[in-house]
Amino acid sequence: MDNYSYITLREKPDLKETAANWFHGKFSVPTEAYLKCMEEYLSEKTEYGWYLCLAGDKIIGGMGVIENDFHDRKDLFPNVCAVYTEPEYRCKGIAGRLLKMVIEDLRIKGISPVYLVTDHTGFYERYGWEYLCMVQGDGEQEISRLYIHH
């Protein structure tokens, strides 16, 4: 077993700034956008959360849940977003464990189904996700795969 800790941001709210900057460094979304979503979660304005894997006090993996992950199917929500594991920690089950954590957390809160936009094939299916349809990303030329988890 690994020596990682898997937490929600509500368990360690002092990591908000660090987490927002970490996600910003992985994706082309402004830090302020992450902070806004995280603050809504921490203040309980939403149950769409933020989930982290830590090695000591270092973030090595994470993902969030938001209303819509920048695609044209606004009727399909919420969406898992910002799925990322640091390269040196990949293939250790971290993303899979975080995905299960997200699904279970949302299910307890009565939130199901959940959606996810990706260009990957094969990975999410291992964790119970099913391909649903193609979606057009905001401002993107290519279409992407949208998955559902019941």
N, C-alpha and C. Protein backbone atom coordinates (compact mmCIF):
# COMPACT_ATOMS: atom_id res chain seq x y z
N MET A 1 0.84 -1.19 0.00
CA MET A 1 0.00 0.00 0.00
C MET A 1 0.88 1.25 0.00
N ASP A 2 0.34 2.33 -0.53
CA ASP A 2 1.11 3.57 -0.60
C ASP A 2 1.04 4.35 0.72
N ASN A 3 1.87 5.35 0.82
CA ASN A 3 1.88 6.21 2.00
C ASN A 3 1.29 7.58 1.67
N TYR A 4 0.30 7.58 0.80
CA TYR A 4 -0.32 8.82 0.38
C TYR A 4 -1.57 9.07 1.21
N SER A 5 -1.95 10.33 1.33
CA SER A 5 -3.23 10.63 1.97
C SER A 5 -4.16 11.22 0.91
N TYR A 6 -5.42 10.81 0.99
CA TYR A 6 -6.45 11.24 0.07
C TYR A 6 -7.44 12.06 0.86
N ILE A 7 -7.60 13.32 0.47
CA ILE A 7 -8.42 14.24 1.25
C ILE A 7 -9.33 15.08 0.35
N THR A 8 -10.37 15.63 0.98
CA THR A 8 -11.13 16.68 0.32
C THR A 8 -10.53 18.00 0.81
N LEU A 9 -10.74 19.04 0.05
CA LEU A 9 -10.23 20.35 0.45
C LEU A 9 -10.86 20.81 1.76
N ARG A 10 -12.08 20.35 2.05
CA ARG A 10 -12.71 20.72 3.32
C ARG A 10 -11.94 20.15 4.52
N GLU A 11 -11.22 19.06 4.30
CA GLU A 11 -10.44 18.47 5.38
C GLU A 11 -9.18 19.28 5.68
N LYS A 12 -8.67 19.98 4.66
CA LYS A 12 -7.47 20.82 4.84
C LYS A 12 -7.66 22.12 4.06
N PRO A 13 -8.58 22.98 4.53
CA PRO A 13 -8.87 24.21 3.79
C PRO A 13 -7.68 25.15 3.65
N ASP A 14 -6.68 24.99 4.52
CA ASP A 14 -5.48 25.83 4.42
C ASP A 14 -4.69 25.55 3.15
N LEU A 15 -5.01 24.47 2.45
CA LEU A 15 -4.33 24.15 1.18
C LEU A 15 -4.97 24.83 -0.03
N LYS A 16 -6.00 25.65 0.19
CA LYS A 16 -6.73 26.25 -0.93
C LYS A 16 -5.83 26.98 -1.92
N GLU A 17 -5.01 27.90 -1.44
CA GLU A 17 -4.13 28.69 -2.33
C GLU A 17 -3.13 27.77 -3.04
N THR A 18 -2.54 26.87 -2.28
CA THR A 18 -1.56 25.93 -2.85
C THR A 18 -2.22 25.08 -3.93
N ALA A 19 -3.42 24.57 -3.64
CA ALA A 19 -4.13 23.72 -4.59
C ALA A 19 -4.52 24.51 -5.84
N ALA A 20 -5.04 25.72 -5.66
CA ALA A 20 -5.42 26.54 -6.82
C ALA A 20 -4.21 26.80 -7.71
N ASN A 21 -3.08 27.11 -7.12
CA ASN A 21 -1.86 27.34 -7.90
C ASN A 21 -1.37 26.05 -8.56
N TRP A 22 -1.50 24.93 -7.87
CA TRP A 22 -1.08 23.64 -8.43
C TRP A 22 -1.92 23.31 -9.66
N PHE A 23 -3.25 23.42 -9.55
CA PHE A 23 -4.12 23.14 -10.70
C PHE A 23 -3.85 24.12 -11.84
N HIS A 24 -3.66 25.40 -11.51
CA HIS A 24 -3.36 26.40 -12.54
C HIS A 24 -2.09 26.03 -13.31
N GLY A 25 -1.11 25.47 -12.61
CA GLY A 25 0.13 25.07 -13.25
C GLY A 25 -0.03 23.89 -14.19
N LYS A 26 -1.12 23.17 -14.09
CA LYS A 26 -1.36 21.99 -14.94
C LYS A 26 -2.27 22.30 -16.12
N PHE A 27 -3.17 23.27 -15.94
CA PHE A 27 -4.18 23.58 -16.96
C PHE A 27 -4.21 25.08 -17.22
N SER A 28 -4.72 25.45 -18.37
CA SER A 28 -4.73 26.87 -18.76
C SER A 28 -5.97 27.59 -18.22
N VAL A 29 -6.26 27.36 -16.96
CA VAL A 29 -7.38 28.02 -16.28
C VAL A 29 -6.77 28.94 -15.22
N PRO A 30 -7.23 30.18 -15.14
CA PRO A 30 -6.66 31.12 -14.17
C PRO A 30 -6.80 30.64 -12.72
N THR A 31 -5.81 30.93 -11.92
CA THR A 31 -5.84 30.59 -10.49
C THR A 31 -7.12 31.11 -9.85
N GLU A 32 -7.55 32.31 -10.23
CA GLU A 32 -8.74 32.92 -9.64
C GLU A 32 -9.98 32.08 -9.88
N ALA A 33 -10.07 31.41 -11.03
CA ALA A 33 -11.22 30.56 -11.32
C ALA A 33 -11.25 29.36 -10.37
N TYR A 34 -10.08 28.77 -10.13
CA TYR A 34 -10.01 27.67 -9.17
C TYR A 34 -10.37 28.15 -7.77
N LEU A 35 -9.82 29.30 -7.38
CA LEU A 35 -10.11 29.84 -6.05
C LEU A 35 -11.60 30.09 -5.86
N LYS A 36 -12.26 30.62 -6.88
CA LYS A 36 -13.70 30.89 -6.78
C LYS A 36 -14.47 29.60 -6.53
N CYS A 37 -14.18 28.56 -7.30
CA CYS A 37 -14.86 27.27 -7.13
C CYS A 37 -14.54 26.66 -5.76
N MET A 38 -13.30 26.77 -5.36
CA MET A 38 -12.89 26.21 -4.06
C MET A 38 -13.55 26.95 -2.91
N GLU A 39 -13.67 28.26 -3.02
CA GLU A 39 -14.31 29.05 -1.97
C GLU A 39 -15.79 28.70 -1.86
N GLU A 40 -16.45 28.49 -2.99
CA GLU A 40 -17.87 28.08 -2.97
C GLU A 40 -18.02 26.74 -2.27
N TYR A 41 -17.09 25.83 -2.51
CA TYR A 41 -17.12 24.52 -1.86
C TYR A 41 -16.84 24.64 -0.36
N LEU A 42 -15.81 25.39 -0.01
CA LEU A 42 -15.45 25.54 1.40
C LEU A 42 -16.53 26.26 2.21
N SER A 43 -17.25 27.18 1.58
CA SER A 43 -18.31 27.91 2.27
C SER A 43 -19.65 27.18 2.19
N GLU A 44 -19.63 25.99 1.61
CA GLU A 44 -20.81 25.12 1.48
C GLU A 44 -21.91 25.72 0.62
N LYS A 45 -21.53 26.59 -0.33
CA LYS A 45 -22.50 27.08 -1.32
C LYS A 45 -22.75 26.01 -2.37
N THR A 46 -21.83 25.04 -2.47
CA THR A 46 -21.99 23.91 -3.38
C THR A 46 -21.39 22.67 -2.73
N GLU A 47 -21.85 21.52 -3.18
CA GLU A 47 -21.26 20.25 -2.74
C GLU A 47 -20.29 19.72 -3.79
N TYR A 48 -20.08 20.48 -4.86
CA TYR A 48 -19.11 20.10 -5.88
C TYR A 48 -17.72 20.38 -5.33
N GLY A 49 -16.99 19.33 -5.00
CA GLY A 49 -15.77 19.47 -4.23
C GLY A 49 -14.46 19.39 -4.97
N TRP A 50 -13.40 19.42 -4.18
CA TRP A 50 -12.02 19.33 -4.66
C TRP A 50 -11.33 18.25 -3.86
N TYR A 51 -10.61 17.38 -4.56
CA TYR A 51 -10.05 16.17 -3.99
C TYR A 51 -8.56 16.11 -4.31
N LEU A 52 -7.76 15.78 -3.30
CA LEU A 52 -6.31 15.81 -3.46
C LEU A 52 -5.68 14.53 -2.94
N CYS A 53 -4.56 14.17 -3.56
CA CYS A 53 -3.70 13.12 -3.05
C CYS A 53 -2.40 13.80 -2.64
N LEU A 54 -1.98 13.55 -1.42
CA LEU A 54 -0.77 14.16 -0.89
C LEU A 54 0.28 13.11 -0.58
N ALA A 55 1.53 13.46 -0.87
CA ALA A 55 2.69 12.69 -0.41
C ALA A 55 3.35 13.61 0.60
N GLY A 56 3.15 13.34 1.87
CA GLY A 56 3.56 14.30 2.90
C GLY A 56 2.67 15.52 2.78
N ASP A 57 3.27 16.68 2.55
CA ASP A 57 2.46 17.89 2.35
C ASP A 57 2.49 18.37 0.90
N LYS A 58 2.97 17.51 0.01
CA LYS A 58 3.07 17.85 -1.42
C LYS A 58 1.88 17.28 -2.18
N ILE A 59 1.21 18.12 -2.97
CA ILE A 59 0.11 17.65 -3.82
C ILE A 59 0.70 16.88 -4.99
N ILE A 60 0.27 15.63 -5.15
CA ILE A 60 0.77 14.81 -6.26
C ILE A 60 -0.33 14.39 -7.21
N GLY A 61 -1.58 14.63 -6.82
CA GLY A 61 -2.71 14.31 -7.69
C GLY A 61 -3.92 15.06 -7.22
N GLY A 62 -4.84 15.29 -8.14
CA GLY A 62 -6.05 15.98 -7.74
C GLY A 62 -7.08 16.05 -8.84
N MET A 63 -8.28 16.46 -8.44
CA MET A 63 -9.37 16.69 -9.38
C MET A 63 -10.46 17.46 -8.65
N GLY A 64 -11.34 18.04 -9.44
CA GLY A 64 -12.45 18.79 -8.87
C GLY A 64 -13.75 18.38 -9.51
N VAL A 65 -14.82 18.95 -9.01
CA VAL A 65 -16.15 18.76 -9.59
C VAL A 65 -16.74 20.15 -9.76
N ILE A 66 -17.19 20.43 -10.98
CA ILE A 66 -17.80 21.73 -11.29
C ILE A 66 -19.09 21.49 -12.08
N GLU A 67 -19.86 22.54 -12.25
CA GLU A 67 -21.12 22.43 -12.99
C GLU A 67 -20.88 21.95 -14.42
N ASN A 68 -20.00 22.64 -15.15
CA ASN A 68 -19.75 22.32 -16.56
C ASN A 68 -18.27 22.53 -16.86
N ASP A 69 -17.69 21.53 -17.50
CA ASP A 69 -16.25 21.58 -17.80
C ASP A 69 -16.01 22.16 -19.20
N PHE A 70 -16.55 23.36 -19.43
CA PHE A 70 -16.30 24.12 -20.66
C PHE A 70 -16.70 23.38 -21.93
N HIS A 71 -17.91 22.81 -21.96
CA HIS A 71 -18.41 22.16 -23.18
C HIS A 71 -19.86 22.57 -23.44
N ASP A 72 -20.36 22.19 -24.62
CA ASP A 72 -21.66 22.66 -25.08
C ASP A 72 -22.86 21.91 -24.51
N ARG A 73 -22.67 20.86 -23.75
CA ARG A 73 -23.79 20.12 -23.16
C ARG A 73 -24.02 20.57 -21.73
N LYS A 74 -24.57 21.77 -21.60
CA LYS A 74 -24.79 22.38 -20.27
C LYS A 74 -25.82 21.59 -19.46
N ASP A 75 -26.59 20.73 -20.14
CA ASP A 75 -27.61 19.92 -19.46
C ASP A 75 -27.01 18.70 -18.75
N LEU A 76 -25.74 18.42 -18.99
CA LEU A 76 -25.09 17.24 -18.40
C LEU A 76 -24.14 17.71 -17.30
N PHE A 77 -24.57 17.60 -16.06
CA PHE A 77 -23.79 18.10 -14.93
C PHE A 77 -24.06 17.25 -13.70
N PRO A 78 -23.14 17.29 -12.72
CA PRO A 78 -21.86 18.00 -12.67
C PRO A 78 -20.77 17.26 -13.44
N ASN A 79 -19.65 17.91 -13.60
CA ASN A 79 -18.52 17.36 -14.34
C ASN A 79 -17.29 17.26 -13.45
N VAL A 80 -16.64 16.09 -13.49
CA VAL A 80 -15.31 15.97 -12.89
C VAL A 80 -14.38 16.76 -13.79
N CYS A 81 -13.48 17.51 -13.20
CA CYS A 81 -12.56 18.34 -13.99
C CYS A 81 -11.15 18.28 -13.42
N ALA A 82 -10.23 18.78 -14.19
CA ALA A 82 -8.84 18.99 -13.73
C ALA A 82 -8.22 17.72 -13.15
N VAL A 83 -8.45 16.59 -13.82
CA VAL A 83 -7.87 15.32 -13.37
C VAL A 83 -6.39 15.33 -13.71
N TYR A 84 -5.55 15.20 -12.69
CA TYR A 84 -4.11 15.24 -12.94
C TYR A 84 -3.36 14.50 -11.84
N THR A 85 -2.36 13.74 -12.27
CA THR A 85 -1.41 13.10 -11.36
C THR A 85 -0.01 13.45 -11.86
N GLU A 86 0.86 13.84 -10.96
CA GLU A 86 2.24 14.16 -11.34
C GLU A 86 2.86 12.96 -12.06
N PRO A 87 3.61 13.21 -13.14
CA PRO A 87 4.14 12.11 -13.96
C PRO A 87 4.87 11.02 -13.18
N GLU A 88 5.68 11.40 -12.20
CA GLU A 88 6.46 10.40 -11.48
C GLU A 88 5.60 9.53 -10.55
N TYR A 89 4.33 9.91 -10.37
CA TYR A 89 3.43 9.14 -9.50
C TYR A 89 2.34 8.41 -10.28
N ARG A 90 2.42 8.44 -11.59
CA ARG A 90 1.41 7.77 -12.41
C ARG A 90 1.56 6.25 -12.36
N CYS A 91 0.50 5.55 -12.73
CA CYS A 91 0.46 4.08 -12.74
C CYS A 91 0.57 3.49 -11.34
N LYS A 92 0.13 4.23 -10.34
CA LYS A 92 0.13 3.74 -8.96
C LYS A 92 -1.29 3.71 -8.39
N GLY A 93 -2.29 3.95 -9.25
CA GLY A 93 -3.68 3.89 -8.81
C GLY A 93 -4.20 5.16 -8.16
N ILE A 94 -3.43 6.23 -8.21
CA ILE A 94 -3.83 7.47 -7.53
C ILE A 94 -5.08 8.09 -8.16
N ALA A 95 -5.08 8.27 -9.47
CA ALA A 95 -6.25 8.87 -10.13
C ALA A 95 -7.48 7.98 -9.94
N GLY A 96 -7.30 6.68 -10.04
CA GLY A 96 -8.42 5.76 -9.85
C GLY A 96 -9.01 5.86 -8.46
N ARG A 97 -8.15 5.96 -7.47
CA ARG A 97 -8.63 6.07 -6.09
C ARG A 97 -9.34 7.41 -5.88
N LEU A 98 -8.81 8.49 -6.47
CA LEU A 98 -9.48 9.79 -6.37
C LEU A 98 -10.83 9.77 -7.08
N LEU A 99 -10.90 9.13 -8.24
CA LEU A 99 -12.17 9.03 -8.96
C LEU A 99 -13.22 8.30 -8.12
N LYS A 100 -12.82 7.21 -7.49
CA LYS A 100 -13.75 6.47 -6.62
C LYS A 100 -14.19 7.32 -5.44
N MET A 101 -13.26 8.09 -4.91
CA MET A 101 -13.56 8.98 -3.79
C MET A 101 -14.59 10.02 -4.19
N VAL A 102 -14.42 10.61 -5.37
CA VAL A 102 -15.36 11.61 -5.89
C VAL A 102 -16.75 11.00 -6.04
N ILE A 103 -16.82 9.87 -6.72
CA ILE A 103 -18.12 9.23 -6.98
C ILE A 103 -18.82 8.90 -5.67
N GLU A 104 -18.10 8.34 -4.72
CA GLU A 104 -18.70 7.97 -3.44
C GLU A 104 -19.15 9.21 -2.67
N ASP A 105 -18.34 10.25 -2.65
CA ASP A 105 -18.69 11.48 -1.95
C ASP A 105 -19.96 12.09 -2.54
N LEU A 106 -20.04 12.15 -3.87
CA LEU A 106 -21.23 12.72 -4.52
C LEU A 106 -22.45 11.82 -4.31
N ARG A 107 -22.26 10.51 -4.38
CA ARG A 107 -23.38 9.58 -4.19
C ARG A 107 -23.99 9.75 -2.80
N ILE A 108 -23.15 9.89 -1.78
CA ILE A 108 -23.63 10.11 -0.41
C ILE A 108 -24.48 11.38 -0.33
N LYS A 109 -24.14 12.37 -1.14
CA LYS A 109 -24.86 13.64 -1.16
C LYS A 109 -26.06 13.61 -2.12
N GLY A 110 -26.33 12.43 -2.71
CA GLY A 110 -27.46 12.29 -3.61
C GLY A 110 -27.22 12.84 -5.01
N ILE A 111 -25.96 13.00 -5.39
CA ILE A 111 -25.63 13.56 -6.69
C ILE A 111 -25.15 12.44 -7.61
N SER A 112 -25.97 12.12 -8.60
CA SER A 112 -25.65 11.10 -9.59
C SER A 112 -26.64 11.26 -10.73
N PRO A 113 -26.24 11.09 -11.97
CA PRO A 113 -24.92 10.70 -12.45
C PRO A 113 -23.94 11.86 -12.44
N VAL A 114 -22.69 11.53 -12.80
CA VAL A 114 -21.60 12.49 -12.89
C VAL A 114 -20.98 12.33 -14.28
N TYR A 115 -20.48 13.41 -14.83
CA TYR A 115 -19.92 13.41 -16.18
C TYR A 115 -18.45 13.81 -16.17
N LEU A 116 -17.77 13.51 -17.28
CA LEU A 116 -16.35 13.80 -17.39
C LEU A 116 -15.98 13.92 -18.86
N VAL A 117 -15.27 14.99 -19.22
CA VAL A 117 -14.80 15.20 -20.59
C VAL A 117 -13.34 14.79 -20.67
N THR A 118 -12.99 14.03 -21.71
CA THR A 118 -11.60 13.58 -21.85
C THR A 118 -11.30 13.24 -23.30
N ASP A 119 -10.02 13.19 -23.60
CA ASP A 119 -9.58 12.68 -24.90
C ASP A 119 -9.02 11.26 -24.74
N HIS A 120 -8.96 10.78 -23.50
CA HIS A 120 -8.44 9.44 -23.24
C HIS A 120 -9.48 8.38 -23.55
N THR A 121 -9.02 7.25 -24.02
CA THR A 121 -9.90 6.10 -24.18
C THR A 121 -9.26 4.94 -23.41
N GLY A 122 -10.09 4.18 -22.75
CA GLY A 122 -9.61 3.01 -22.02
C GLY A 122 -9.35 3.24 -20.55
N PHE A 123 -8.92 4.42 -20.16
CA PHE A 123 -8.57 4.67 -18.76
C PHE A 123 -9.81 4.73 -17.87
N TYR A 124 -10.75 5.59 -18.19
CA TYR A 124 -11.90 5.81 -17.31
C TYR A 124 -12.84 4.60 -17.26
N GLU A 125 -12.88 3.83 -18.32
CA GLU A 125 -13.72 2.64 -18.33
C GLU A 125 -13.35 1.68 -17.20
N ARG A 126 -12.07 1.63 -16.85
CA ARG A 126 -11.61 0.75 -15.76
C ARG A 126 -12.23 1.11 -14.42
N TYR A 127 -12.76 2.32 -14.31
CA TYR A 127 -13.32 2.78 -13.05
C TYR A 127 -14.84 2.98 -13.14
N GLY A 128 -15.47 2.30 -14.07
CA GLY A 128 -16.92 2.30 -14.15
C GLY A 128 -17.54 3.41 -14.98
N TRP A 129 -16.71 4.19 -15.66
CA TRP A 129 -17.23 5.25 -16.52
C TRP A 129 -17.62 4.65 -17.87
N GLU A 130 -18.68 5.20 -18.47
CA GLU A 130 -19.15 4.74 -19.78
C GLU A 130 -19.15 5.91 -20.75
N TYR A 131 -18.70 5.64 -21.98
CA TYR A 131 -18.75 6.67 -23.02
C TYR A 131 -20.21 7.02 -23.28
N LEU A 132 -20.53 8.31 -23.34
CA LEU A 132 -21.90 8.75 -23.58
C LEU A 132 -22.06 9.40 -24.95
N CYS A 133 -21.22 10.39 -25.26
CA CYS A 133 -21.36 11.11 -26.51
C CYS A 133 -20.13 12.00 -26.72
N MET A 134 -20.10 12.64 -27.87
CA MET A 134 -19.06 13.62 -28.15
C MET A 134 -19.61 15.01 -27.81
N VAL A 135 -18.73 15.89 -27.34
CA VAL A 135 -19.12 17.26 -27.01
C VAL A 135 -18.13 18.24 -27.64
N GLN A 136 -18.60 19.44 -27.83
CA GLN A 136 -17.76 20.50 -28.38
C GLN A 136 -17.28 21.37 -27.23
N GLY A 137 -15.97 21.44 -27.06
CA GLY A 137 -15.40 22.27 -26.02
C GLY A 137 -15.50 23.74 -26.39
N ASP A 138 -15.72 24.59 -25.41
CA ASP A 138 -15.80 26.04 -25.64
C ASP A 138 -14.51 26.52 -26.30
N GLY A 139 -14.62 27.10 -27.50
CA GLY A 139 -13.48 27.65 -28.19
C GLY A 139 -12.51 26.63 -28.75
N GLU A 140 -12.89 25.35 -28.80
CA GLU A 140 -12.00 24.32 -29.31
C GLU A 140 -12.46 23.84 -30.69
N GLN A 141 -11.49 23.50 -31.52
CA GLN A 141 -11.79 22.99 -32.86
C GLN A 141 -12.22 21.53 -32.83
N GLU A 142 -11.52 20.75 -32.03
CA GLU A 142 -11.77 19.31 -31.95
C GLU A 142 -12.89 19.01 -30.96
N ILE A 143 -13.62 17.92 -31.22
CA ILE A 143 -14.62 17.50 -30.25
C ILE A 143 -13.98 16.50 -29.29
N SER A 144 -14.58 16.36 -28.12
CA SER A 144 -14.03 15.50 -27.08
C SER A 144 -15.06 14.47 -26.64
N ARG A 145 -14.59 13.44 -25.97
CA ARG A 145 -15.43 12.37 -25.46
C ARG A 145 -16.03 12.78 -24.11
N LEU A 146 -17.31 12.51 -23.93
CA LEU A 146 -17.97 12.76 -22.65
C LEU A 146 -18.38 11.41 -22.06
N TYR A 147 -17.98 11.19 -20.81
CA TYR A 147 -18.29 9.95 -20.12
C TYR A 147 -19.31 10.21 -19.01
N ILE A 148 -20.01 9.16 -18.61
CA ILE A 148 -20.98 9.22 -17.54
C ILE A 148 -20.66 8.13 -16.52
N HIS A 149 -20.91 8.46 -15.26
CA HIS A 149 -20.82 7.45 -14.19
C HIS A 149 -22.11 7.51 -13.41
N HIS A 150 -22.82 6.37 -13.35
CA HIS A 150 -24.12 6.30 -12.66
C HIS A 150 -23.94 5.98 -11.20
